[in-house]
């Protein structure tokens, strides 16, 4: 029997910040109502081993309960949760889980750590916010959120004390809104009320949100005419998540209204097309598959190869190339000392132009 994962029916917002981020989060918090219809989890870069006054500082700015996270703490709507020092935070089955830092000498990425678990837990209902900070923590996290069809915010350059973290996320192409903390607060409350983000009752994560066949058929036709690609046999759940995501961003509640909007706006056809061909990947993304590739598939291919007999591998849907490089690494390891006598070629293709050419020449 398939186990259905049940998560809270209200949206959970992960908010990451570093240098200058406290002021930004305070500004965001001040502009939220006492009942915004969501839970907020604040992940701040804190000095290890030092007591934090963050919870007390934030509690002065809102009527919502503000709590420092304890292990196994259940999430409640209209609550604010704050990371303690010297730990990482993740989320599972509606509860916040603390894990101790394994090595204080390693570079910590607590925002990425929490955002990834949030994406896995909430799916297309995950919301991530990157506020002021230096370096790149949070970028991989918002990539994971967008891969699941969630929504990502970044603080704008003008209002951010340090724009390294938000700009890194923006440059990765995974941010939907670039706003000041005040405007982020307003947009969060608007999104929290959208029926696709905060449905009544518990959420079954494997159930598609958009299911109207005629509406989806119209969308497939629009995409086919615009790009020559047929998405008819694409996974229905993926299509549903992506379409629902675009409707939330555009403040549309009915599929028929979104179909009309698509017909009247070529830019939206492009955005939906790119969302469906989302270029989010990683090295050795599916460890079990790559383990089988290394132990069974490649040895079988190479077993009867004679000297100078070429090995050719095609990687369709290569995105930005990590999978192709991962296969190349596995192939080199499988060849061992035969790399000089067994010529190899790897071909990598993708229907998404932005995936294989992320920085096209600018048009002047």
Protein backbone atom coordinates (compact mmCIF):
# COMPACT_ATOMS: atom_id res chain seq x y z
CA UNK A 1 0.00 0.00 0.00
CA UNK A 2 1.38 3.38 -1.01
CA UNK A 3 2.08 5.68 1.91
CA UNK A 4 0.62 9.16 1.51
CA UNK A 5 2.71 11.91 3.05
CA UNK A 6 0.57 14.45 4.88
CA UNK A 7 1.97 17.92 5.52
CA UNK A 8 0.49 21.02 7.19
CA UNK A 9 -2.30 22.64 5.19
CA UNK A 10 -0.79 26.11 5.61
CA UNK A 11 2.27 27.35 3.68
CA UNK A 12 5.69 27.22 5.33
CA UNK A 13 8.10 30.02 4.42
CA UNK A 14 11.84 29.57 4.82
CA UNK A 15 13.66 32.89 5.21
CA UNK A 16 17.45 32.92 4.95
CA UNK A 17 19.77 35.77 5.88
CA UNK A 18 23.34 36.56 6.85
CA UNK A 19 25.14 39.89 7.22
CA UNK A 20 22.59 42.72 7.29
CA UNK A 21 19.77 40.21 7.26
CA UNK A 22 18.44 40.92 10.74
CA UNK A 23 17.33 44.42 9.76
CA UNK A 24 15.74 43.06 6.58
CA UNK A 25 13.81 40.37 8.46
CA UNK A 26 12.67 42.88 11.06
CA UNK A 27 11.31 45.06 8.27
CA UNK A 28 9.55 42.08 6.70
CA UNK A 29 8.09 40.99 10.04
CA UNK A 30 6.77 44.48 10.85
CA UNK A 31 4.78 44.47 7.63
CA UNK A 32 3.05 41.13 8.20
CA UNK A 33 -0.29 40.96 9.94
CA UNK A 34 -0.78 39.00 13.17
CA UNK A 35 -2.44 36.23 11.15
CA UNK A 36 -0.72 35.98 7.76
CA UNK A 37 -1.88 32.38 7.28
CA UNK A 38 1.60 30.82 7.21
CA UNK A 39 4.49 29.68 9.39
CA UNK A 40 7.84 31.46 9.03
CA UNK A 41 11.17 29.74 9.72
CA UNK A 42 14.06 32.18 10.02
CA UNK A 43 17.49 30.72 9.21
CA UNK A 44 20.21 33.19 10.19
CA UNK A 45 23.98 32.75 10.12
CA UNK A 46 24.85 32.80 13.84
CA UNK A 47 28.20 32.58 15.60
CA UNK A 48 28.64 29.02 16.96
CA UNK A 49 28.79 28.65 20.74
CA UNK A 50 27.29 32.06 21.53
CA UNK A 51 23.88 32.66 23.07
CA UNK A 52 21.48 34.26 20.62
CA UNK A 53 19.07 37.08 21.52
CA UNK A 54 17.42 36.82 18.11
CA UNK A 55 14.15 35.36 19.36
CA UNK A 56 13.67 38.16 21.92
CA UNK A 57 14.51 40.86 19.38
CA UNK A 58 12.00 39.57 16.84
CA UNK A 59 9.23 39.00 19.40
CA UNK A 60 9.07 42.76 19.98
CA UNK A 61 8.02 43.38 16.39
CA UNK A 62 5.03 41.07 15.96
CA UNK A 63 1.97 39.74 17.72
CA UNK A 64 2.73 36.29 16.36
CA UNK A 65 4.41 33.86 18.80
CA UNK A 66 8.17 33.77 18.17
CA UNK A 67 10.02 30.63 19.32
CA UNK A 68 13.58 29.38 19.19
CA UNK A 69 13.45 25.97 17.53
CA UNK A 70 13.74 22.83 19.64
CA UNK A 71 14.16 19.35 18.19
CA UNK A 72 10.86 17.83 17.03
CA UNK A 73 8.93 21.09 17.40
CA UNK A 74 5.68 20.92 15.37
CA UNK A 75 4.94 23.81 13.04
CA UNK A 76 1.85 25.92 13.68
CA UNK A 77 0.21 28.52 11.50
CA UNK A 78 0.86 32.20 12.30
CA UNK A 79 4.05 31.37 14.21
CA UNK A 80 7.66 32.46 13.74
CA UNK A 81 10.49 29.99 14.34
CA UNK A 82 14.14 30.97 14.81
CA UNK A 83 17.23 28.81 14.33
CA UNK A 84 19.43 28.31 17.44
CA UNK A 85 23.25 28.67 17.23
CA UNK A 86 25.54 25.74 16.32
CA UNK A 87 22.88 23.59 14.61
CA UNK A 88 21.31 22.92 11.25
CA UNK A 89 17.52 22.77 10.84
CA UNK A 90 15.45 20.58 8.54
CA UNK A 91 11.74 19.77 8.30
CA UNK A 92 10.05 16.39 8.17
CA UNK A 93 6.37 15.45 8.59
CA UNK A 94 5.47 18.94 9.79
CA UNK A 95 8.16 19.03 12.49
CA UNK A 96 11.44 20.92 12.77
CA UNK A 97 14.48 18.70 13.25
CA UNK A 98 17.78 19.91 14.71
CA UNK A 99 21.13 18.32 13.90
CA UNK A 100 24.45 19.26 15.44
CA UNK A 101 27.23 20.64 13.29
CA UNK A 102 29.55 17.74 12.48
CA UNK A 103 32.66 19.82 11.85
CA UNK A 104 32.92 23.43 12.93
CA UNK A 105 35.78 23.90 10.45
CA UNK A 106 33.59 23.19 7.43
CA UNK A 107 31.81 25.98 5.63
CA UNK A 108 28.20 25.89 6.83
CA UNK A 109 25.28 26.35 4.46
CA UNK A 110 22.29 26.27 6.85
CA UNK A 111 19.94 28.04 4.44
CA UNK A 112 20.57 25.53 1.65
CA UNK A 113 20.17 22.72 4.17
CA UNK A 114 16.76 23.89 5.35
CA UNK A 115 15.46 24.97 1.94
CA UNK A 116 16.24 21.57 0.43
CA UNK A 117 14.28 19.78 3.14
CA UNK A 118 11.48 22.33 2.76
CA UNK A 119 11.30 21.61 -0.99
CA UNK A 120 11.14 17.87 -0.33
CA UNK A 121 8.49 18.29 2.38
CA UNK A 122 6.24 20.89 0.78
CA UNK A 123 6.77 20.30 -2.93
CA UNK A 124 5.13 22.97 -5.06
CA UNK A 125 3.91 24.75 -1.90
CA UNK A 126 7.45 25.50 -0.65
CA UNK A 127 8.32 29.19 -0.38
CA UNK A 128 11.88 30.47 0.07
CA UNK A 129 13.09 34.02 0.76
CA UNK A 130 16.72 35.15 0.48
CA UNK A 131 17.53 38.36 2.35
CA UNK A 132 20.74 40.37 2.82
CA UNK A 133 23.98 38.44 3.15
CA UNK A 134 27.35 37.70 1.59
CA UNK A 135 28.48 34.66 -0.44
CA UNK A 136 26.03 32.13 -1.93
CA UNK A 137 24.17 30.27 0.82
CA UNK A 138 20.56 29.77 -0.27
CA UNK A 139 21.17 29.54 -4.02
CA UNK A 140 21.13 25.74 -4.17
CA UNK A 141 18.18 25.79 -1.79
CA UNK A 142 16.01 27.99 -4.02
CA UNK A 143 17.03 25.83 -6.98
CA UNK A 144 15.58 22.84 -5.11
CA UNK A 145 12.42 24.82 -4.32
CA UNK A 146 11.94 25.85 -7.92
CA UNK A 147 12.61 22.29 -9.10
CA UNK A 148 9.59 21.22 -7.04
CA UNK A 149 7.46 24.04 -8.46
CA UNK A 150 7.71 26.26 -5.38
CA UNK A 151 8.15 30.03 -5.20
CA UNK A 152 11.30 32.01 -4.43
CA UNK A 153 11.90 35.61 -3.36
CA UNK A 154 15.10 37.65 -3.15
CA UNK A 155 15.69 41.04 -1.56
CA UNK A 156 16.36 43.76 -4.10
CA UNK A 157 19.78 45.33 -4.48
CA UNK A 158 18.61 48.77 -3.38
CA UNK A 159 17.30 47.68 0.04
CA UNK A 160 19.86 44.94 0.84
CA UNK A 161 22.76 45.95 3.05
CA UNK A 162 24.79 43.14 1.46
CA UNK A 163 23.48 41.84 -1.85
CA UNK A 164 25.78 38.83 -2.37
CA UNK A 165 23.29 36.14 -1.34
CA UNK A 166 20.22 37.57 -3.09
CA UNK A 167 22.16 38.36 -6.25
CA UNK A 168 23.62 34.84 -6.36
CA UNK A 169 20.10 33.37 -6.23
CA UNK A 170 18.87 35.82 -8.87
CA UNK A 171 21.80 34.99 -11.18
CA UNK A 172 20.93 31.29 -10.90
CA UNK A 173 17.58 32.06 -12.53
CA UNK A 174 15.52 30.60 -9.69
CA UNK A 175 13.91 33.73 -8.23
CA UNK A 176 10.34 34.76 -9.03
CA UNK A 177 10.16 38.07 -7.14
CA UNK A 178 12.92 40.62 -6.43
CA UNK A 179 11.46 43.02 -3.89
CA UNK A 180 12.11 45.04 -0.74
CA UNK A 181 11.31 43.29 2.58
CA UNK A 182 8.13 45.38 2.92
CA UNK A 183 6.88 44.31 -0.50
CA UNK A 184 7.92 40.70 0.13
CA UNK A 185 5.67 40.70 3.21
CA UNK A 186 2.70 41.94 1.19
CA UNK A 187 3.25 39.37 -1.56
CA UNK A 188 3.63 36.53 0.94
CA UNK A 189 0.24 37.31 2.49
CA UNK A 190 -1.34 37.46 -0.94
CA UNK A 191 0.17 34.11 -1.97
CA UNK A 192 -0.79 32.46 1.34
CA UNK A 193 -4.45 33.05 0.54
CA UNK A 194 -4.28 31.56 -2.95
CA UNK A 195 -6.32 28.30 -3.17
CA UNK A 196 -3.42 26.42 -4.80
CA UNK A 197 -1.05 27.26 -1.94
CA UNK A 198 -3.32 26.93 1.08
CA UNK A 199 -6.06 24.40 0.31
CA UNK A 200 -8.45 23.24 3.00
CA UNK A 201 -7.36 20.12 4.84
CA UNK A 202 -4.22 18.06 4.55
CA UNK A 203 -2.29 17.92 1.29
CA UNK A 204 -1.61 14.72 -0.61
CA UNK A 205 1.65 15.54 -2.34
CA UNK A 206 1.15 13.10 -5.22
CA UNK A 207 -2.21 14.53 -6.26
CA UNK A 208 -2.17 16.95 -9.21
CA UNK A 209 -3.65 20.36 -8.48
CA UNK A 210 -4.71 21.22 -12.01
CA UNK A 211 -6.66 18.37 -13.60
CA UNK A 212 -9.05 19.90 -16.12
CA UNK A 213 -8.25 17.90 -19.27
CA UNK A 214 -9.66 20.43 -21.75
CA UNK A 215 -7.66 23.25 -20.20
CA UNK A 216 -4.45 21.23 -20.27
CA UNK A 217 -5.10 20.21 -23.88
CA UNK A 218 -5.41 23.89 -24.80
CA UNK A 219 -2.12 24.62 -23.03
CA UNK A 220 -0.40 21.78 -24.91
CA UNK A 221 -1.65 23.23 -28.21
CA UNK A 222 -0.39 26.71 -27.34
CA UNK A 223 3.05 25.34 -26.41
CA UNK A 224 3.16 23.18 -29.54
CA UNK A 225 2.41 26.16 -31.77
CA UNK A 226 4.90 28.37 -29.94
CA UNK A 227 7.84 25.97 -29.69
CA UNK A 228 7.08 22.86 -31.72
CA UNK A 229 7.26 20.68 -28.60
CA UNK A 230 4.50 18.24 -27.67
CA UNK A 231 4.02 18.00 -23.90
CA UNK A 232 1.02 15.65 -24.18
CA UNK A 233 2.90 12.71 -22.68
CA UNK A 234 4.77 14.74 -20.08
CA UNK A 235 4.04 13.67 -16.49
CA UNK A 236 0.63 15.04 -15.53
CA UNK A 237 1.75 15.84 -11.99
CA UNK A 238 4.70 17.88 -13.31
CA UNK A 239 2.48 19.78 -15.74
CA UNK A 240 -0.03 20.44 -12.95
CA UNK A 241 2.63 21.76 -10.57
CA UNK A 242 4.15 24.07 -13.16
CA UNK A 243 0.83 25.46 -14.39
CA UNK A 244 -0.40 25.94 -10.82
CA UNK A 245 2.82 27.77 -9.99
CA UNK A 246 2.38 30.18 -12.89
CA UNK A 247 -1.25 30.81 -11.88
CA UNK A 248 -0.21 31.65 -8.31
CA UNK A 249 2.41 34.12 -9.55
CA UNK A 250 -0.13 35.74 -11.87
CA UNK A 251 -2.89 35.85 -9.23
CA UNK A 252 -5.20 33.64 -11.31
CA UNK A 253 -7.46 31.08 -9.61
CA UNK A 254 -9.15 29.42 -12.62
CA UNK A 255 -7.45 27.41 -15.34
CA UNK A 256 -9.65 28.90 -18.06
CA UNK A 257 -8.38 32.36 -17.11
CA UNK A 258 -4.79 31.17 -17.38
CA UNK A 259 -5.44 29.65 -20.83
CA UNK A 260 -6.88 33.00 -21.95
CA UNK A 261 -3.85 34.81 -20.51
CA UNK A 262 -1.50 32.45 -22.38
CA UNK A 263 -3.26 33.13 -25.67
CA UNK A 264 -2.92 36.86 -25.19
CA UNK A 265 0.65 37.01 -23.83
CA UNK A 266 3.59 35.49 -25.71
CA UNK A 267 5.94 36.27 -22.82
CA UNK A 268 3.92 33.97 -20.54
CA UNK A 269 4.17 31.16 -23.11
CA UNK A 270 7.96 31.55 -22.90
CA UNK A 271 7.94 31.53 -19.10
CA UNK A 272 5.74 28.43 -18.88
CA UNK A 273 7.89 26.71 -21.49
CA UNK A 274 11.02 27.41 -19.43
CA UNK A 275 9.29 26.29 -16.23
CA UNK A 276 8.38 22.96 -17.82
CA UNK A 277 11.97 22.49 -19.03
CA UNK A 278 13.41 23.54 -15.70
CA UNK A 279 17.22 23.30 -15.82
CA UNK A 280 17.84 22.08 -12.29
CA UNK A 281 20.25 19.20 -11.92
CA UNK A 282 23.32 18.11 -9.99
CA UNK A 283 26.28 15.76 -10.19
CA UNK A 284 25.35 12.10 -9.57
CA UNK A 285 21.77 13.22 -8.92
CA UNK A 286 20.38 9.69 -8.50
CA UNK A 287 23.06 7.73 -6.60
CA UNK A 288 21.37 4.33 -7.10
CA UNK A 289 21.24 4.78 -10.87
CA UNK A 290 24.90 5.79 -11.05
CA UNK A 291 25.89 2.89 -8.82
CA UNK A 292 24.18 0.49 -11.26
CA UNK A 293 25.79 2.28 -14.19
CA UNK A 294 29.28 1.84 -12.70
CA UNK A 295 28.84 -1.74 -11.46
CA UNK A 296 26.76 -3.33 -14.22
CA UNK A 297 26.11 -1.22 -17.33
CA UNK A 298 29.54 0.20 -18.19
CA UNK A 299 31.46 -3.05 -17.50
CA UNK A 300 29.04 -4.86 -19.84
CA UNK A 301 29.56 -2.25 -22.56
CA UNK A 302 33.36 -2.28 -22.23
CA UNK A 303 33.77 -6.06 -21.83
CA UNK A 304 34.07 -6.89 -25.51
CA UNK A 305 35.53 -3.62 -26.76
CA UNK A 306 38.73 -4.11 -28.75
CA UNK A 307 41.56 -1.62 -29.16
CA UNK A 308 40.47 1.58 -30.95
CA UNK A 309 36.81 0.48 -30.99
CA UNK A 310 34.92 3.65 -30.05
CA UNK A 311 32.41 3.98 -27.20
CA UNK A 312 29.64 6.48 -27.84
CA UNK A 313 27.20 7.72 -25.21
CA UNK A 314 24.22 10.02 -25.74
CA UNK A 315 22.79 12.03 -22.82
CA UNK A 316 19.36 13.47 -23.77
CA UNK A 317 17.91 16.14 -21.51
CA UNK A 318 21.40 17.11 -20.35
CA UNK A 319 20.34 20.45 -18.79
CA UNK A 320 23.48 22.38 -17.83
CA UNK A 321 25.70 19.31 -18.22
CA UNK A 322 26.20 17.84 -14.76
CA UNK A 323 24.75 14.45 -15.77
CA UNK A 324 26.97 14.24 -18.85
CA UNK A 325 30.06 15.00 -16.77
CA UNK A 326 28.95 12.50 -14.12
CA UNK A 327 28.70 9.77 -16.77
CA UNK A 328 32.11 10.79 -18.12
CA UNK A 329 33.64 10.41 -14.64
CA UNK A 330 32.06 6.96 -14.27
CA UNK A 331 33.32 5.95 -17.71
CA UNK A 332 36.90 7.04 -16.95
CA UNK A 333 36.82 5.07 -13.70
CA UNK A 334 35.45 2.00 -15.52
CA UNK A 335 38.12 2.20 -18.22
CA UNK A 336 40.97 2.39 -15.71
CA UNK A 337 44.27 2.05 -17.60
CA UNK A 338 42.46 1.55 -20.92
CA UNK A 339 41.54 5.25 -21.40
CA UNK A 340 44.28 5.68 -24.01
CA UNK A 341 43.26 2.69 -26.14
CA UNK A 342 39.45 2.92 -26.05
CA UNK A 343 38.34 6.19 -27.68
CA UNK A 344 35.13 7.65 -26.28
CA UNK A 345 32.62 10.28 -27.30
CA UNK A 346 29.77 11.67 -25.21
CA UNK A 347 26.97 13.62 -26.90
CA UNK A 348 24.72 15.78 -24.72
CA UNK A 349 21.52 17.44 -25.96
CA UNK A 350 18.57 19.33 -24.52
CA UNK A 351 15.48 20.99 -25.99
CA UNK A 352 15.95 23.95 -23.64
CA UNK A 353 18.17 26.60 -25.19
CA UNK A 354 18.80 28.27 -21.83
CA UNK A 355 20.08 24.95 -20.48
CA UNK A 356 22.80 24.39 -23.07
CA UNK A 357 23.47 28.08 -23.70
CA UNK A 358 22.74 29.91 -20.41
CA UNK A 359 24.62 33.06 -21.45
CA UNK A 360 23.73 33.84 -25.07
CA UNK A 361 25.42 36.83 -26.73
CA UNK A 362 23.62 40.07 -25.92
CA UNK A 363 21.68 41.69 -28.73
CA UNK A 364 22.73 45.25 -29.42
